Amino acid sequence: MDPVPLFPDSVSPLSRQEIKNIRPDILMISGIANPRSFKRYIRNYSTRITELIFPDHYSFRQKDIDHIIQSYHDIPGEHKMIMTTEKDAMRLQKFTGIDPSVKEKMYYIPVVIDFLNEDTVNFNNHILKYVNQNKRDSILHKK
């Protein structure tokens, strides 16, 4: 899955291959219970990763944003970017005062659900059937 710009009005999307070709230094922002798998995924893009780990379900404050921006600027080199999870991206997007030169380097990895044996259709049908059979007012429909 290609990373998605955190602030889409600030920059065009980059493909996975474009990022791999650049091999940037990555500032990883994570506020999830177990960030190890996220870091493992980011290693597909670069092995030069600086981590900023926050507690699960963390509510970012302005001082955290300032720390993220400073950490980004502290990374040496020309090719660098910030990557976070989709979950954390939603919390970070509310901060509109981020410098445009940093905003254009902020990306998130979308959450994707994969099913074994490509069983997506069966799963969706099962959920739709359950919802149809268990409507909140299903007693009224039985009359």
N, C-alpha and C. Protein backbone atom coordinates (compact mmCIF):
# COMPACT_ATOMS: atom_id res chain seq x y z
N MET A 1 0.85 -1.18 0.00
CA MET A 1 0.00 0.00 0.00
C MET A 1 0.88 1.24 0.00
N ASP A 2 0.58 2.17 -0.87
CA ASP A 2 1.35 3.41 -0.95
C ASP A 2 0.99 4.34 0.22
N PRO A 3 1.99 5.03 0.76
CA PRO A 3 1.69 6.03 1.80
C PRO A 3 0.82 7.14 1.22
N VAL A 4 0.03 7.72 2.09
CA VAL A 4 -0.91 8.78 1.70
C VAL A 4 -0.47 10.08 2.38
N PRO A 5 -0.46 11.20 1.65
CA PRO A 5 -0.11 12.46 2.29
C PRO A 5 -1.06 12.79 3.44
N LEU A 6 -0.51 13.17 4.56
CA LEU A 6 -1.31 13.54 5.72
C LEU A 6 -2.12 14.80 5.42
N PHE A 7 -1.52 15.69 4.67
CA PHE A 7 -2.19 16.92 4.25
C PHE A 7 -2.20 16.93 2.72
N PRO A 8 -3.19 16.33 2.08
CA PRO A 8 -3.18 16.14 0.63
C PRO A 8 -3.12 17.42 -0.18
N ASP A 9 -3.54 18.54 0.39
CA ASP A 9 -3.46 19.80 -0.34
C ASP A 9 -2.03 20.33 -0.41
N SER A 10 -1.14 19.74 0.41
CA SER A 10 0.23 20.23 0.49
C SER A 10 1.19 19.57 -0.49
N VAL A 11 0.84 18.35 -0.96
CA VAL A 11 1.80 17.59 -1.75
C VAL A 11 1.09 16.51 -2.56
N SER A 12 1.74 16.09 -3.62
CA SER A 12 1.23 14.96 -4.40
C SER A 12 1.66 13.66 -3.75
N PRO A 13 0.87 12.62 -3.90
CA PRO A 13 1.25 11.32 -3.34
C PRO A 13 2.55 10.80 -3.96
N LEU A 14 3.27 10.02 -3.19
CA LEU A 14 4.45 9.33 -3.66
C LEU A 14 4.16 7.84 -3.67
N SER A 15 4.61 7.17 -4.69
CA SER A 15 4.41 5.71 -4.72
C SER A 15 5.45 5.05 -3.83
N ARG A 16 5.17 3.83 -3.48
CA ARG A 16 6.10 3.04 -2.69
C ARG A 16 7.47 3.00 -3.37
N GLN A 17 7.46 2.80 -4.68
CA GLN A 17 8.71 2.69 -5.42
C GLN A 17 9.48 4.01 -5.42
N GLU A 18 8.78 5.13 -5.54
CA GLU A 18 9.45 6.43 -5.51
C GLU A 18 10.16 6.63 -4.17
N ILE A 19 9.50 6.25 -3.09
CA ILE A 19 10.11 6.39 -1.77
C ILE A 19 11.30 5.46 -1.62
N LYS A 20 11.15 4.22 -2.09
CA LYS A 20 12.27 3.28 -2.02
C LYS A 20 13.47 3.79 -2.79
N ASN A 21 13.23 4.42 -3.92
CA ASN A 21 14.33 4.96 -4.73
C ASN A 21 15.07 6.08 -4.01
N ILE A 22 14.33 6.88 -3.25
CA ILE A 22 14.93 7.99 -2.50
C ILE A 22 15.68 7.46 -1.28
N ARG A 23 15.16 6.41 -0.66
CA ARG A 23 15.69 5.86 0.60
C ARG A 23 15.86 6.97 1.64
N PRO A 24 14.74 7.60 2.03
CA PRO A 24 14.83 8.74 2.94
C PRO A 24 15.09 8.32 4.38
N ASP A 25 15.52 9.27 5.18
CA ASP A 25 15.49 9.10 6.62
C ASP A 25 14.03 9.32 7.02
N ILE A 26 13.52 8.44 7.87
CA ILE A 26 12.11 8.50 8.23
C ILE A 26 11.96 8.76 9.72
N LEU A 27 11.12 9.76 10.04
CA LEU A 27 10.70 9.98 11.42
C LEU A 27 9.38 9.25 11.58
N MET A 28 9.39 8.21 12.38
CA MET A 28 8.20 7.38 12.59
C MET A 28 7.45 7.90 13.82
N ILE A 29 6.19 8.27 13.63
CA ILE A 29 5.33 8.74 14.71
C ILE A 29 4.30 7.64 14.97
N SER A 30 4.25 7.16 16.21
CA SER A 30 3.34 6.07 16.51
C SER A 30 2.70 6.24 17.88
N GLY A 31 1.39 6.13 17.91
CA GLY A 31 0.62 6.13 19.15
C GLY A 31 -0.28 4.91 19.15
N ILE A 32 0.31 3.75 18.90
CA ILE A 32 -0.44 2.49 18.89
C ILE A 32 0.16 1.55 19.93
N ALA A 33 -0.60 0.55 20.32
CA ALA A 33 -0.19 -0.35 21.40
C ALA A 33 1.12 -1.07 21.11
N ASN A 34 1.28 -1.55 19.88
CA ASN A 34 2.49 -2.30 19.54
C ASN A 34 3.07 -1.75 18.24
N PRO A 35 3.99 -0.81 18.33
CA PRO A 35 4.52 -0.18 17.12
C PRO A 35 5.55 -1.02 16.36
N ARG A 36 5.92 -2.19 16.89
CA ARG A 36 6.96 -2.99 16.23
C ARG A 36 6.59 -3.40 14.81
N SER A 37 5.35 -3.83 14.61
CA SER A 37 4.96 -4.25 13.26
C SER A 37 4.91 -3.05 12.31
N PHE A 38 4.55 -1.89 12.82
CA PHE A 38 4.55 -0.68 12.01
C PHE A 38 5.98 -0.34 11.58
N LYS A 39 6.92 -0.42 12.51
CA LYS A 39 8.32 -0.15 12.18
C LYS A 39 8.84 -1.18 11.17
N ARG A 40 8.46 -2.42 11.36
CA ARG A 40 8.88 -3.47 10.42
C ARG A 40 8.37 -3.13 9.00
N TYR A 41 7.14 -2.64 8.92
CA TYR A 41 6.57 -2.27 7.63
C TYR A 41 7.33 -1.09 7.01
N ILE A 42 7.64 -0.10 7.83
CA ILE A 42 8.35 1.08 7.34
C ILE A 42 9.75 0.72 6.84
N ARG A 43 10.32 -0.32 7.38
CA ARG A 43 11.65 -0.75 6.91
C ARG A 43 11.64 -1.14 5.44
N ASN A 44 10.45 -1.36 4.87
CA ASN A 44 10.36 -1.60 3.44
C ASN A 44 10.78 -0.37 2.63
N TYR A 45 10.72 0.79 3.25
CA TYR A 45 11.06 2.04 2.57
C TYR A 45 12.49 2.48 2.87
N SER A 46 12.92 2.29 4.11
CA SER A 46 14.25 2.73 4.53
C SER A 46 14.59 2.07 5.86
N THR A 47 15.87 1.89 6.09
CA THR A 47 16.31 1.34 7.38
C THR A 47 16.75 2.46 8.32
N ARG A 48 16.78 3.68 7.82
CA ARG A 48 17.16 4.83 8.65
C ARG A 48 15.88 5.43 9.24
N ILE A 49 15.55 4.94 10.44
CA ILE A 49 14.29 5.32 11.08
C ILE A 49 14.56 5.90 12.46
N THR A 50 14.00 7.06 12.71
CA THR A 50 14.00 7.66 14.04
C THR A 50 12.58 7.52 14.58
N GLU A 51 12.44 7.01 15.78
CA GLU A 51 11.11 6.74 16.34
C GLU A 51 10.70 7.78 17.37
N LEU A 52 9.44 8.20 17.28
CA LEU A 52 8.78 8.96 18.34
C LEU A 52 7.55 8.14 18.72
N ILE A 53 7.62 7.52 19.87
CA ILE A 53 6.55 6.61 20.31
C ILE A 53 5.72 7.31 21.38
N PHE A 54 4.42 7.31 21.18
CA PHE A 54 3.47 7.86 22.14
C PHE A 54 2.58 6.72 22.64
N PRO A 55 1.92 6.91 23.79
CA PRO A 55 1.04 5.85 24.29
C PRO A 55 -0.13 5.58 23.32
N ASP A 56 -0.69 4.40 23.43
CA ASP A 56 -1.85 4.02 22.62
C ASP A 56 -3.00 4.99 22.87
N HIS A 57 -3.70 5.37 21.81
CA HIS A 57 -4.84 6.30 21.87
C HIS A 57 -4.43 7.69 22.36
N TYR A 58 -3.21 8.06 22.10
CA TYR A 58 -2.68 9.33 22.59
C TYR A 58 -3.37 10.51 21.91
N SER A 59 -3.68 11.51 22.70
CA SER A 59 -4.27 12.74 22.18
C SER A 59 -3.16 13.79 22.07
N PHE A 60 -2.71 14.03 20.84
CA PHE A 60 -1.59 14.95 20.61
C PHE A 60 -1.95 16.36 21.03
N ARG A 61 -0.94 17.05 21.57
CA ARG A 61 -1.08 18.45 21.96
C ARG A 61 -0.08 19.27 21.15
N GLN A 62 -0.19 20.55 21.21
CA GLN A 62 0.70 21.43 20.44
C GLN A 62 2.16 21.18 20.79
N LYS A 63 2.45 20.93 22.07
CA LYS A 63 3.85 20.70 22.45
C LYS A 63 4.39 19.42 21.79
N ASP A 64 3.52 18.44 21.55
CA ASP A 64 3.94 17.22 20.85
C ASP A 64 4.24 17.54 19.38
N ILE A 65 3.42 18.37 18.78
CA ILE A 65 3.63 18.78 17.39
C ILE A 65 4.96 19.53 17.28
N ASP A 66 5.21 20.42 18.24
CA ASP A 66 6.48 21.15 18.24
C ASP A 66 7.65 20.18 18.36
N HIS A 67 7.51 19.16 19.19
CA HIS A 67 8.57 18.15 19.37
C HIS A 67 8.76 17.34 18.08
N ILE A 68 7.67 17.00 17.42
CA ILE A 68 7.75 16.25 16.15
C ILE A 68 8.48 17.09 15.11
N ILE A 69 8.11 18.36 15.00
CA ILE A 69 8.74 19.24 14.01
C ILE A 69 10.22 19.41 14.31
N GLN A 70 10.57 19.61 15.58
CA GLN A 70 11.97 19.75 15.95
C GLN A 70 12.74 18.46 15.66
N SER A 71 12.14 17.32 15.95
CA SER A 71 12.78 16.03 15.68
C SER A 71 13.00 15.84 14.18
N TYR A 72 12.05 16.28 13.40
CA TYR A 72 12.20 16.22 11.94
C TYR A 72 13.38 17.07 11.49
N HIS A 73 13.46 18.30 11.98
CA HIS A 73 14.55 19.21 11.60
C HIS A 73 15.91 18.71 12.10
N ASP A 74 15.92 17.97 13.20
CA ASP A 74 17.17 17.45 13.76
C ASP A 74 17.76 16.30 12.94
N ILE A 75 16.95 15.69 12.10
CA ILE A 75 17.46 14.60 11.25
C ILE A 75 18.30 15.23 10.15
N PRO A 76 19.57 14.81 10.05
CA PRO A 76 20.41 15.41 9.01
C PRO A 76 20.03 14.89 7.63
N GLY A 77 20.42 15.62 6.64
CA GLY A 77 20.20 15.16 5.27
C GLY A 77 19.07 15.87 4.58
N GLU A 78 19.04 15.66 3.28
CA GLU A 78 18.07 16.32 2.42
C GLU A 78 16.81 15.49 2.22
N HIS A 79 16.97 14.17 2.17
CA HIS A 79 15.85 13.27 1.90
C HIS A 79 15.32 12.70 3.21
N LYS A 80 14.23 13.28 3.69
CA LYS A 80 13.62 12.80 4.93
C LYS A 80 12.12 13.01 4.86
N MET A 81 11.42 12.23 5.66
CA MET A 81 9.97 12.32 5.69
C MET A 81 9.46 11.82 7.03
N ILE A 82 8.19 12.11 7.30
CA ILE A 82 7.52 11.66 8.51
C ILE A 82 6.47 10.64 8.09
N MET A 83 6.44 9.50 8.77
CA MET A 83 5.41 8.49 8.51
C MET A 83 4.72 8.15 9.82
N THR A 84 3.41 8.00 9.73
CA THR A 84 2.62 7.64 10.88
C THR A 84 1.55 6.64 10.45
N THR A 85 0.77 6.19 11.40
CA THR A 85 -0.32 5.26 11.12
C THR A 85 -1.56 6.06 10.71
N GLU A 86 -2.49 5.40 10.08
CA GLU A 86 -3.74 6.07 9.71
C GLU A 86 -4.48 6.54 10.96
N LYS A 87 -4.43 5.73 11.99
CA LYS A 87 -5.09 6.07 13.26
C LYS A 87 -4.52 7.37 13.83
N ASP A 88 -3.20 7.48 13.85
CA ASP A 88 -2.58 8.69 14.38
C ASP A 88 -2.72 9.87 13.43
N ALA A 89 -2.79 9.59 12.14
CA ALA A 89 -2.96 10.66 11.15
C ALA A 89 -4.22 11.47 11.43
N MET A 90 -5.28 10.79 11.80
CA MET A 90 -6.54 11.48 12.07
C MET A 90 -6.40 12.46 13.23
N ARG A 91 -5.56 12.10 14.19
CA ARG A 91 -5.35 12.98 15.34
C ARG A 91 -4.40 14.14 15.01
N LEU A 92 -3.49 13.90 14.08
CA LEU A 92 -2.50 14.92 13.73
C LEU A 92 -3.05 15.96 12.75
N GLN A 93 -4.03 15.57 11.96
CA GLN A 93 -4.56 16.47 10.92
C GLN A 93 -5.25 17.71 11.48
N LYS A 94 -5.64 17.67 12.73
CA LYS A 94 -6.32 18.84 13.30
C LYS A 94 -5.38 20.01 13.56
N PHE A 95 -4.07 19.77 13.48
CA PHE A 95 -3.10 20.83 13.70
C PHE A 95 -2.78 21.50 12.37
N THR A 96 -3.32 22.67 12.19
CA THR A 96 -3.22 23.35 10.90
C THR A 96 -2.04 24.31 10.81
N GLY A 97 -1.40 24.62 11.93
CA GLY A 97 -0.32 25.60 11.92
C GLY A 97 1.06 25.01 11.65
N ILE A 98 1.12 23.83 11.09
CA ILE A 98 2.41 23.19 10.82
C ILE A 98 3.04 23.85 9.59
N ASP A 99 4.33 24.12 9.68
CA ASP A 99 5.09 24.73 8.59
C ASP A 99 4.87 23.94 7.30
N PRO A 100 4.56 24.61 6.20
CA PRO A 100 4.30 23.92 4.92
C PRO A 100 5.45 23.01 4.47
N SER A 101 6.70 23.38 4.77
CA SER A 101 7.82 22.54 4.36
C SER A 101 7.85 21.21 5.11
N VAL A 102 7.23 21.18 6.29
CA VAL A 102 7.13 19.93 7.06
C VAL A 102 5.85 19.19 6.65
N LYS A 103 4.76 19.92 6.47
CA LYS A 103 3.48 19.30 6.08
C LYS A 103 3.63 18.46 4.82
N GLU A 104 4.43 18.94 3.88
CA GLU A 104 4.57 18.22 2.61
C GLU A 104 5.39 16.95 2.75
N LYS A 105 5.97 16.73 3.91
CA LYS A 105 6.78 15.52 4.15
C LYS A 105 6.08 14.55 5.09
N MET A 106 4.81 14.80 5.41
CA MET A 106 4.07 13.96 6.36
C MET A 106 3.14 13.00 5.61
N TYR A 107 3.31 11.71 5.88
CA TYR A 107 2.52 10.66 5.23
C TYR A 107 2.01 9.67 6.27
N TYR A 108 0.94 8.97 5.92
CA TYR A 108 0.48 7.87 6.77
C TYR A 108 0.30 6.61 5.93
N ILE A 109 0.34 5.50 6.63
CA ILE A 109 0.14 4.20 6.00
C ILE A 109 -1.31 3.80 6.25
N PRO A 110 -2.10 3.63 5.20
CA PRO A 110 -3.51 3.26 5.38
C PRO A 110 -3.65 1.85 5.97
N VAL A 111 -4.72 1.67 6.72
CA VAL A 111 -5.04 0.35 7.27
C VAL A 111 -5.74 -0.46 6.20
N VAL A 112 -5.27 -1.68 6.01
CA VAL A 112 -5.86 -2.57 5.02
C VAL A 112 -6.14 -3.91 5.70
N ILE A 113 -7.31 -4.45 5.45
CA ILE A 113 -7.67 -5.75 6.01
C ILE A 113 -7.60 -6.77 4.91
N ASP A 114 -6.82 -7.80 5.13
CA ASP A 114 -6.72 -8.91 4.18
C ASP A 114 -7.36 -10.14 4.77
N PHE A 115 -8.03 -10.90 3.93
CA PHE A 115 -8.64 -12.15 4.35
C PHE A 115 -7.88 -13.31 3.74
N LEU A 116 -7.83 -14.39 4.48
CA LEU A 116 -7.21 -15.60 3.96
C LEU A 116 -8.04 -16.13 2.79
N ASN A 117 -7.37 -16.67 1.83
CA ASN A 117 -8.05 -17.29 0.69
C ASN A 117 -8.99 -16.34 -0.03
N GLU A 118 -8.68 -15.05 0.01
CA GLU A 118 -9.51 -14.04 -0.67
C GLU A 118 -10.99 -14.19 -0.33
N ASP A 119 -11.28 -14.31 0.95
CA ASP A 119 -12.63 -14.59 1.41
C ASP A 119 -13.41 -13.32 1.76
N THR A 120 -13.08 -12.21 1.15
CA THR A 120 -13.73 -10.93 1.42
C THR A 120 -15.23 -10.97 1.12
N VAL A 121 -15.60 -11.57 0.01
CA VAL A 121 -17.01 -11.61 -0.39
C VAL A 121 -17.84 -12.37 0.64
N ASN A 122 -17.36 -13.52 1.10
CA ASN A 122 -18.09 -14.29 2.11
C ASN A 122 -18.23 -13.50 3.42
N PHE A 123 -17.16 -12.83 3.81
CA PHE A 123 -17.21 -12.04 5.03
C PHE A 123 -18.25 -10.92 4.91
N ASN A 124 -18.21 -10.18 3.81
CA ASN A 124 -19.17 -9.09 3.61
C ASN A 124 -20.60 -9.60 3.58
N ASN A 125 -20.84 -10.72 2.92
CA ASN A 125 -22.18 -11.30 2.88
C ASN A 125 -22.65 -11.72 4.26
N HIS A 126 -21.76 -12.28 5.04
CA HIS A 126 -22.10 -12.70 6.40
C HIS A 126 -22.49 -11.49 7.26
N ILE A 127 -21.74 -10.42 7.15
CA ILE A 127 -22.05 -9.20 7.92
C ILE A 127 -23.37 -8.60 7.47
N LEU A 128 -23.60 -8.51 6.17
CA LEU A 128 -24.86 -7.94 5.67
C LEU A 128 -26.05 -8.79 6.11
N LYS A 129 -25.92 -10.08 6.07
CA LYS A 129 -27.00 -10.97 6.50
C LYS A 129 -27.29 -10.76 7.98
N TYR A 130 -26.25 -10.68 8.80
CA TYR A 130 -26.43 -10.47 10.23
C TYR A 130 -27.14 -9.14 10.50
N VAL A 131 -26.70 -8.09 9.84
CA VAL A 131 -27.31 -6.77 10.05
C VAL A 131 -28.78 -6.79 9.64
N ASN A 132 -29.08 -7.41 8.52
CA ASN A 132 -30.48 -7.47 8.07
C ASN A 132 -31.36 -8.26 9.03
N GLN A 133 -30.81 -9.29 9.64
CA GLN A 133 -31.59 -10.13 10.55
C GLN A 133 -31.66 -9.56 11.96
N ASN A 134 -30.84 -8.61 12.27
CA ASN A 134 -30.77 -8.09 13.64
C ASN A 134 -30.93 -6.58 13.69
N LYS A 135 -31.87 -6.09 12.93
CA LYS A 135 -32.14 -4.66 12.96
C LYS A 135 -32.68 -4.28 14.33
N ARG A 136 -32.43 -3.06 14.71
CA ARG A 136 -32.86 -2.57 16.01
C ARG A 136 -34.37 -2.76 16.21
N ASP A 137 -35.15 -2.55 15.17
CA ASP A 137 -36.61 -2.67 15.28
C ASP A 137 -37.11 -3.94 14.59
N SER A 138 -36.33 -5.02 14.63
CA SER A 138 -36.70 -6.25 13.92
C SER A 138 -37.99 -6.85 14.45
N ILE A 139 -38.36 -6.62 15.72
CA ILE A 139 -39.61 -7.15 16.27
C ILE A 139 -40.80 -6.55 15.51
N LEU A 140 -40.72 -5.29 15.13
CA LEU A 140 -41.79 -4.65 14.39
C LEU A 140 -41.96 -5.26 13.00
N HIS A 141 -40.87 -5.66 12.40
CA HIS A 141 -40.93 -6.22 11.06
C HIS A 141 -41.49 -7.63 11.03
N LYS A 142 -41.48 -8.33 12.17
CA LYS A 142 -41.97 -9.71 12.23
C LYS A 142 -43.49 -9.79 12.27
N LYS A 143 -44.14 -8.70 12.58
CA LYS A 143 -45.60 -8.74 12.70
C LYS A 143 -46.27 -8.85 11.37
